[in-house]
Protein backbone atom coordinates (compact mmCIF):
# COMPACT_ATOMS: atom_id res chain seq x y z
CA UNK A 1 0.00 0.00 0.00
CA UNK A 2 1.16 3.50 -0.81
CA UNK A 3 1.57 6.04 1.96
CA UNK A 4 0.71 9.72 2.20
CA UNK A 5 4.22 10.76 1.12
CA UNK A 6 3.83 8.77 -2.11
CA UNK A 7 0.49 10.48 -2.81
CA UNK A 8 1.86 13.95 -2.04
CA UNK A 9 4.92 13.33 -4.20
CA UNK A 10 2.70 12.29 -7.12
CA UNK A 11 0.54 15.40 -6.70
CA UNK A 12 3.65 17.60 -6.79
CA UNK A 13 4.97 15.71 -9.83
CA UNK A 14 1.72 16.49 -11.67
CA UNK A 15 1.06 20.06 -10.40
CA UNK A 16 4.50 21.41 -9.53
CA UNK A 17 5.20 23.34 -6.31
CA UNK A 18 2.12 24.04 -4.18
CA UNK A 19 1.33 25.76 -0.91
CA UNK A 20 1.37 23.38 2.01
CA UNK A 21 -2.36 24.02 2.59
CA UNK A 22 -3.25 23.15 -0.99
CA UNK A 23 -1.10 20.02 -0.97
CA UNK A 24 -2.81 18.83 2.22
CA UNK A 25 -6.27 19.41 0.74
CA UNK A 26 -5.46 17.62 -2.55
CA UNK A 27 -4.12 14.65 -0.58
CA UNK A 28 -7.30 14.67 1.54
CA UNK A 29 -9.57 14.73 -1.49
CA UNK A 30 -7.50 11.94 -3.09
CA UNK A 31 -8.20 9.76 -0.05
CA UNK A 32 -11.88 10.77 -0.03
CA UNK A 33 -12.55 9.97 -3.66
CA UNK A 34 -10.51 6.76 -3.52
CA UNK A 35 -12.85 5.57 -0.79
CA UNK A 36 -15.88 6.40 -2.94
CA UNK A 37 -14.75 5.56 -6.49
CA UNK A 38 -12.37 2.70 -5.79
CA UNK A 39 -13.77 1.43 -2.49
CA UNK A 40 -10.19 1.44 -1.21
CA UNK A 41 -7.97 3.29 1.22
CA UNK A 42 -5.26 5.17 -0.67
CA UNK A 43 -2.95 5.66 2.34
CA UNK A 44 -3.05 4.41 5.96
CA UNK A 45 -2.14 7.62 7.81
CA UNK A 46 -4.93 9.29 9.74
CA UNK A 47 -6.39 12.64 8.75
CA UNK A 48 -6.86 15.18 11.53
CA UNK A 49 -9.38 18.05 11.74
CA UNK A 50 -7.09 21.04 12.22
CA UNK A 51 -8.40 24.60 12.36
CA UNK A 52 -7.45 25.26 8.71
CA UNK A 53 -8.98 22.01 7.46
CA UNK A 54 -7.97 18.36 7.09
CA UNK A 55 -4.28 17.67 7.69
CA UNK A 56 -2.21 14.49 7.64
CA UNK A 57 0.33 14.97 10.43
CA UNK A 58 2.98 12.75 8.81
CA UNK A 59 2.91 14.94 5.71
CA UNK A 60 2.83 18.11 7.82
CA UNK A 61 5.95 16.97 9.69
CA UNK A 62 7.76 16.74 6.34
CA UNK A 63 6.78 20.22 5.09
CA UNK A 64 6.61 22.01 8.45
CA UNK A 65 7.74 25.62 8.08
CA UNK A 66 7.46 25.64 4.29
CA UNK A 67 4.87 27.86 2.63
CA UNK A 68 5.58 26.35 -0.79
CA UNK A 69 6.33 22.64 -1.05
CA UNK A 70 8.23 21.50 -4.12
CA UNK A 71 9.24 17.96 -3.19
CA UNK A 72 8.60 15.25 -0.63
CA UNK A 73 11.67 13.31 0.49
CA UNK A 74 10.89 9.61 0.70
CA UNK A 75 7.77 10.00 -1.45
CA UNK A 76 7.70 7.48 -4.29
CA UNK A 77 4.93 7.89 -6.89
CA UNK A 78 5.90 4.50 -8.36
CA UNK A 79 4.30 2.91 -5.28
CA UNK A 80 0.87 4.02 -6.53
CA UNK A 81 -1.26 1.70 -8.64
CA UNK A 82 -2.63 2.85 -12.01
CA UNK A 83 -6.08 3.12 -10.39
CA UNK A 84 -4.72 5.32 -7.58
CA UNK A 85 -2.96 7.55 -10.11
CA UNK A 86 -6.17 7.85 -12.12
CA UNK A 87 -8.08 8.88 -8.97
CA UNK A 88 -5.45 11.48 -8.05
CA UNK A 89 -5.45 12.78 -11.63
CA UNK A 90 -9.23 13.26 -11.42
CA UNK A 91 -8.90 15.05 -8.09
CA UNK A 92 -6.22 17.33 -9.55
CA UNK A 93 -8.37 18.01 -12.61
CA UNK A 94 -11.33 19.08 -10.47
CA UNK A 95 -9.69 20.73 -7.43
CA UNK A 96 -6.22 21.54 -8.72
CA UNK A 97 -6.91 25.04 -10.08
CA UNK A 98 -8.74 26.19 -6.96
CA UNK A 99 -6.92 28.35 -4.42
CA UNK A 100 -5.66 27.10 -1.08
CA UNK A 101 -8.19 29.32 0.69
CA UNK A 102 -11.05 28.04 -1.46
CA UNK A 103 -10.14 24.43 -0.66
CA UNK A 104 -9.83 25.18 3.04
CA UNK A 105 -13.20 26.95 3.04
CA UNK A 106 -14.74 24.05 1.12
CA UNK A 107 -13.57 21.48 3.66
CA UNK A 108 -14.99 23.68 6.46
CA UNK A 109 -18.44 23.42 4.86
CA UNK A 110 -18.32 19.63 4.50
CA UNK A 111 -19.51 17.19 7.17
CA UNK A 112 -16.36 15.12 7.79
CA UNK A 113 -14.34 18.12 9.06
CA UNK A 114 -17.33 19.78 10.75
CA UNK A 115 -18.35 16.63 12.63
CA UNK A 116 -14.79 15.90 13.75
CA UNK A 117 -14.51 19.46 15.11
CA UNK A 118 -17.89 19.48 16.82
CA UNK A 119 -17.59 21.38 20.09
CA UNK A 120 -14.08 22.65 19.29
CA UNK A 121 -13.73 26.43 18.77
CA UNK A 122 -12.77 27.32 15.18
CA UNK A 123 -9.37 28.74 16.15
CA UNK A 124 -8.41 25.98 18.60
CA UNK A 125 -5.90 23.25 17.91
CA UNK A 126 -7.18 19.73 17.55
CA UNK A 127 -5.82 16.34 16.59
CA UNK A 128 -9.33 14.89 16.35
CA UNK A 129 -9.42 12.27 13.60
CA UNK A 130 -11.63 12.62 10.54
CA UNK A 131 -12.67 9.00 10.19
CA UNK A 132 -12.58 7.13 6.92
CA UNK A 133 -16.16 6.11 7.59
CA UNK A 134 -17.36 9.72 7.80
CA UNK A 135 -15.40 10.60 4.66
CA UNK A 136 -16.81 7.67 2.66
CA UNK A 137 -20.34 8.30 3.89
CA UNK A 138 -20.30 12.02 3.09
CA UNK A 139 -18.61 11.99 -0.32
CA UNK A 140 -20.44 8.82 -1.33
CA UNK A 141 -23.76 10.60 -0.72
CA UNK A 142 -23.01 13.53 -3.04
CA UNK A 143 -24.87 13.77 -6.30
CA UNK A 144 -22.63 13.70 -9.40
CA UNK A 145 -23.19 17.41 -10.11
CA UNK A 146 -22.02 18.23 -6.58
CA UNK A 147 -18.69 16.46 -7.03
C-alpha atoms as a PDB file:
ATOM      1  CA  UNK A   1       0.000   0.000   0.000  1.00  0.00           C
ATOM      2  CA  UNK A   2       1.160   3.495  -0.809  1.00  0.00           C
ATOM      3  CA  UNK A   3       1.572   6.045   1.959  1.00  0.00           C
ATOM      4  CA  UNK A   4       0.706   9.725   2.201  1.00  0.00           C
ATOM      5  CA  UNK A   5       4.217  10.757   1.116  1.00  0.00           C
ATOM      6  CA  UNK A   6       3.825   8.768  -2.113  1.00  0.00           C
ATOM      7  CA  UNK A   7       0.488  10.481  -2.813  1.00  0.00           C
ATOM      8  CA  UNK A   8       1.859  13.955  -2.045  1.00  0.00           C
ATOM      9  CA  UNK A   9       4.915  13.325  -4.201  1.00  0.00           C
ATOM     10  CA  UNK A  10       2.700  12.290  -7.117  1.00  0.00           C
ATOM     11  CA  UNK A  11       0.543  15.405  -6.695  1.00  0.00           C
ATOM     12  CA  UNK A  12       3.652  17.602  -6.788  1.00  0.00           C
ATOM     13  CA  UNK A  13       4.972  15.707  -9.825  1.00  0.00           C
ATOM     14  CA  UNK A  14       1.722  16.492 -11.671  1.00  0.00           C
ATOM     15  CA  UNK A  15       1.064  20.056 -10.399  1.00  0.00           C
ATOM     16  CA  UNK A  16       4.504  21.408  -9.532  1.00  0.00           C
ATOM     17  CA  UNK A  17       5.203  23.337  -6.314  1.00  0.00           C
ATOM     18  CA  UNK A  18       2.123  24.037  -4.177  1.00  0.00           C
ATOM     19  CA  UNK A  19       1.328  25.757  -0.912  1.00  0.00           C
ATOM     20  CA  UNK A  20       1.373  23.379   2.011  1.00  0.00           C
ATOM     21  CA  UNK A  21      -2.359  24.016   2.590  1.00  0.00           C
ATOM     22  CA  UNK A  22      -3.254  23.153  -0.988  1.00  0.00           C
ATOM     23  CA  UNK A  23      -1.102  20.022  -0.970  1.00  0.00           C
ATOM     24  CA  UNK A  24      -2.815  18.827   2.216  1.00  0.00           C
ATOM     25  CA  UNK A  25      -6.268  19.406   0.741  1.00  0.00           C
ATOM     26  CA  UNK A  26      -5.461  17.624  -2.550  1.00  0.00           C
ATOM     27  CA  UNK A  27      -4.121  14.651  -0.580  1.00  0.00           C
ATOM     28  CA  UNK A  28      -7.298  14.673   1.544  1.00  0.00           C
ATOM     29  CA  UNK A  29      -9.571  14.730  -1.491  1.00  0.00           C
ATOM     30  CA  UNK A  30      -7.503  11.942  -3.088  1.00  0.00           C
ATOM     31  CA  UNK A  31      -8.202   9.762  -0.052  1.00  0.00           C
ATOM     32  CA  UNK A  32     -11.879  10.767  -0.028  1.00  0.00           C
ATOM     33  CA  UNK A  33     -12.546   9.968  -3.663  1.00  0.00           C
ATOM     34  CA  UNK A  34     -10.506   6.762  -3.525  1.00  0.00           C
ATOM     35  CA  UNK A  35     -12.849   5.572  -0.789  1.00  0.00           C
ATOM     36  CA  UNK A  36     -15.877   6.397  -2.943  1.00  0.00           C
ATOM     37  CA  UNK A  37     -14.753   5.561  -6.486  1.00  0.00           C
ATOM     38  CA  UNK A  38     -12.365   2.703  -5.788  1.00  0.00           C
ATOM     39  CA  UNK A  39     -13.768   1.428  -2.487  1.00  0.00           C
ATOM     40  CA  UNK A  40     -10.195   1.445  -1.210  1.00  0.00           C
ATOM     41  CA  UNK A  41      -7.969   3.289   1.223  1.00  0.00           C
ATOM     42  CA  UNK A  42      -5.260   5.175  -0.666  1.00  0.00           C
ATOM     43  CA  UNK A  43      -2.953   5.660   2.343  1.00  0.00           C
ATOM     44  CA  UNK A  44      -3.054   4.412   5.960  1.00  0.00           C
ATOM     45  CA  UNK A  45      -2.142   7.623   7.814  1.00  0.00           C
ATOM     46  CA  UNK A  46      -4.929   9.285   9.745  1.00  0.00           C
ATOM     47  CA  UNK A  47      -6.393  12.641   8.750  1.00  0.00           C
ATOM     48  CA  UNK A  48      -6.858  15.184  11.531  1.00  0.00           C
ATOM     49  CA  UNK A  49      -9.378  18.047  11.738  1.00  0.00           C
ATOM     50  CA  UNK A  50      -7.086  21.042  12.216  1.00  0.00           C
ATOM     51  CA  UNK A  51      -8.399  24.597  12.359  1.00  0.00           C
ATOM     52  CA  UNK A  52      -7.452  25.262   8.712  1.00  0.00           C
ATOM     53  CA  UNK A  53      -8.980  22.009   7.464  1.00  0.00           C
ATOM     54  CA  UNK A  54      -7.974  18.365   7.093  1.00  0.00           C
ATOM     55  CA  UNK A  55      -4.277  17.666   7.690  1.00  0.00           C
ATOM     56  CA  UNK A  56      -2.210  14.485   7.637  1.00  0.00           C
ATOM     57  CA  UNK A  57       0.328  14.975  10.428  1.00  0.00           C
ATOM     58  CA  UNK A  58       2.979  12.751   8.809  1.00  0.00           C
ATOM     59  CA  UNK A  59       2.915  14.937   5.710  1.00  0.00           C
ATOM     60  CA  UNK A  60       2.835  18.114   7.821  1.00  0.00           C
ATOM     61  CA  UNK A  61       5.951  16.971   9.694  1.00  0.00           C
ATOM     62  CA  UNK A  62       7.765  16.745   6.339  1.00  0.00           C
ATOM     63  CA  UNK A  63       6.781  20.218   5.086  1.00  0.00           C
ATOM     64  CA  UNK A  64       6.611  22.010   8.453  1.00  0.00           C
ATOM     65  CA  UNK A  65       7.744  25.624   8.081  1.00  0.00           C
ATOM     66  CA  UNK A  66       7.457  25.635   4.286  1.00  0.00           C
ATOM     67  CA  UNK A  67       4.870  27.864   2.635  1.00  0.00           C
ATOM     68  CA  UNK A  68       5.583  26.355  -0.791  1.00  0.00           C
ATOM     69  CA  UNK A  69       6.332  22.642  -1.054  1.00  0.00           C
ATOM     70  CA  UNK A  70       8.235  21.502  -4.125  1.00  0.00           C
ATOM     71  CA  UNK A  71       9.244  17.960  -3.193  1.00  0.00           C
ATOM     72  CA  UNK A  72       8.603  15.255  -0.628  1.00  0.00           C
ATOM     73  CA  UNK A  73      11.666  13.308   0.486  1.00  0.00           C
ATOM     74  CA  UNK A  74      10.887   9.609   0.696  1.00  0.00           C
ATOM     75  CA  UNK A  75       7.772  10.001  -1.449  1.00  0.00           C
ATOM     76  CA  UNK A  76       7.702   7.481  -4.287  1.00  0.00           C
ATOM     77  CA  UNK A  77       4.926   7.888  -6.891  1.00  0.00           C
ATOM     78  CA  UNK A  78       5.900   4.505  -8.356  1.00  0.00           C
ATOM     79  CA  UNK A  79       4.298   2.908  -5.277  1.00  0.00           C
ATOM     80  CA  UNK A  80       0.873   4.016  -6.533  1.00  0.00           C
ATOM     81  CA  UNK A  81      -1.256   1.705  -8.637  1.00  0.00           C
ATOM     82  CA  UNK A  82      -2.626   2.849 -12.009  1.00  0.00           C
ATOM     83  CA  UNK A  83      -6.081   3.124 -10.393  1.00  0.00           C
ATOM     84  CA  UNK A  84      -4.724   5.318  -7.583  1.00  0.00           C
ATOM     85  CA  UNK A  85      -2.964   7.554 -10.107  1.00  0.00           C
ATOM     86  CA  UNK A  86      -6.175   7.846 -12.116  1.00  0.00           C
ATOM     87  CA  UNK A  87      -8.076   8.881  -8.973  1.00  0.00           C
ATOM     88  CA  UNK A  88      -5.448  11.476  -8.050  1.00  0.00           C
ATOM     89  CA  UNK A  89      -5.451  12.775 -11.630  1.00  0.00           C
ATOM     90  CA  UNK A  90      -9.226  13.263 -11.421  1.00  0.00           C
ATOM     91  CA  UNK A  91      -8.900  15.053  -8.089  1.00  0.00           C
ATOM     92  CA  UNK A  92      -6.216  17.331  -9.549  1.00  0.00           C
ATOM     93  CA  UNK A  93      -8.369  18.007 -12.606  1.00  0.00           C
ATOM     94  CA  UNK A  94     -11.330  19.080 -10.469  1.00  0.00           C
ATOM     95  CA  UNK A  95      -9.694  20.733  -7.434  1.00  0.00           C
ATOM     96  CA  UNK A  96      -6.218  21.541  -8.725  1.00  0.00           C
ATOM     97  CA  UNK A  97      -6.906  25.036 -10.082  1.00  0.00           C
ATOM     98  CA  UNK A  98      -8.741  26.188  -6.963  1.00  0.00           C
ATOM     99  CA  UNK A  99      -6.920  28.348  -4.417  1.00  0.00           C
ATOM    100  CA  UNK A 100      -5.662  27.096  -1.077  1.00  0.00           C
ATOM    101  CA  UNK A 101      -8.194  29.321   0.690  1.00  0.00           C
ATOM    102  CA  UNK A 102     -11.052  28.038  -1.460  1.00  0.00           C
ATOM    103  CA  UNK A 103     -10.135  24.425  -0.662  1.00  0.00           C
ATOM    104  CA  UNK A 104      -9.827  25.183   3.044  1.00  0.00           C
ATOM    105  CA  UNK A 105     -13.201  26.954   3.042  1.00  0.00           C
ATOM    106  CA  UNK A 106     -14.740  24.053   1.122  1.00  0.00           C
ATOM    107  CA  UNK A 107     -13.572  21.480   3.661  1.00  0.00           C
ATOM    108  CA  UNK A 108     -14.989  23.679   6.457  1.00  0.00           C
ATOM    109  CA  UNK A 109     -18.444  23.423   4.856  1.00  0.00           C
ATOM    110  CA  UNK A 110     -18.315  19.630   4.504  1.00  0.00           C
ATOM    111  CA  UNK A 111     -19.514  17.193   7.168  1.00  0.00           C
ATOM    112  CA  UNK A 112     -16.355  15.122   7.792  1.00  0.00           C
ATOM    113  CA  UNK A 113     -14.343  18.117   9.056  1.00  0.00           C
ATOM    114  CA  UNK A 114     -17.330  19.779  10.751  1.00  0.00           C
ATOM    115  CA  UNK A 115     -18.349  16.632  12.627  1.00  0.00           C
ATOM    116  CA  UNK A 116     -14.788  15.897  13.751  1.00  0.00           C
ATOM    117  CA  UNK A 117     -14.514  19.462  15.112  1.00  0.00           C
ATOM    118  CA  UNK A 118     -17.894  19.478  16.818  1.00  0.00           C
ATOM    119  CA  UNK A 119     -17.591  21.375  20.094  1.00  0.00           C
ATOM    120  CA  UNK A 120     -14.084  22.645  19.292  1.00  0.00           C
ATOM    121  CA  UNK A 121     -13.731  26.429  18.772  1.00  0.00           C
ATOM    122  CA  UNK A 122     -12.766  27.321  15.180  1.00  0.00           C
ATOM    123  CA  UNK A 123      -9.373  28.739  16.148  1.00  0.00           C
ATOM    124  CA  UNK A 124      -8.415  25.976  18.604  1.00  0.00           C
ATOM    125  CA  UNK A 125      -5.900  23.251  17.915  1.00  0.00           C
ATOM    126  CA  UNK A 126      -7.180  19.729  17.550  1.00  0.00           C
ATOM    127  CA  UNK A 127      -5.822  16.343  16.592  1.00  0.00           C
ATOM    128  CA  UNK A 128      -9.327  14.889  16.355  1.00  0.00           C
ATOM    129  CA  UNK A 129      -9.417  12.272  13.601  1.00  0.00           C
ATOM    130  CA  UNK A 130     -11.630  12.623  10.543  1.00  0.00           C
ATOM    131  CA  UNK A 131     -12.671   9.002  10.188  1.00  0.00           C
ATOM    132  CA  UNK A 132     -12.576   7.132   6.919  1.00  0.00           C
ATOM    133  CA  UNK A 133     -16.162   6.108   7.586  1.00  0.00           C
ATOM    134  CA  UNK A 134     -17.360   9.716   7.796  1.00  0.00           C
ATOM    135  CA  UNK A 135     -15.399  10.599   4.659  1.00  0.00           C
ATOM    136  CA  UNK A 136     -16.805   7.669   2.661  1.00  0.00           C
ATOM    137  CA  UNK A 137     -20.344   8.296   3.888  1.00  0.00           C
ATOM    138  CA  UNK A 138     -20.297  12.017   3.091  1.00  0.00           C
ATOM    139  CA  UNK A 139     -18.613  11.988  -0.323  1.00  0.00           C
ATOM    140  CA  UNK A 140     -20.439   8.821  -1.328  1.00  0.00           C
ATOM    141  CA  UNK A 141     -23.761  10.595  -0.719  1.00  0.00           C
ATOM    142  CA  UNK A 142     -23.009  13.533  -3.036  1.00  0.00           C
ATOM    143  CA  UNK A 143     -24.869  13.766  -6.298  1.00  0.00           C
ATOM    144  CA  UNK A 144     -22.633  13.700  -9.402  1.00  0.00           C
ATOM    145  CA  UNK A 145     -23.190  17.409 -10.113  1.00  0.00           C
ATOM    146  CA  UNK A 146     -22.020  18.226  -6.578  1.00  0.00           C
ATOM    147  CA  UNK A 147     -18.687  16.462  -7.033  1.00  0.00           C
END
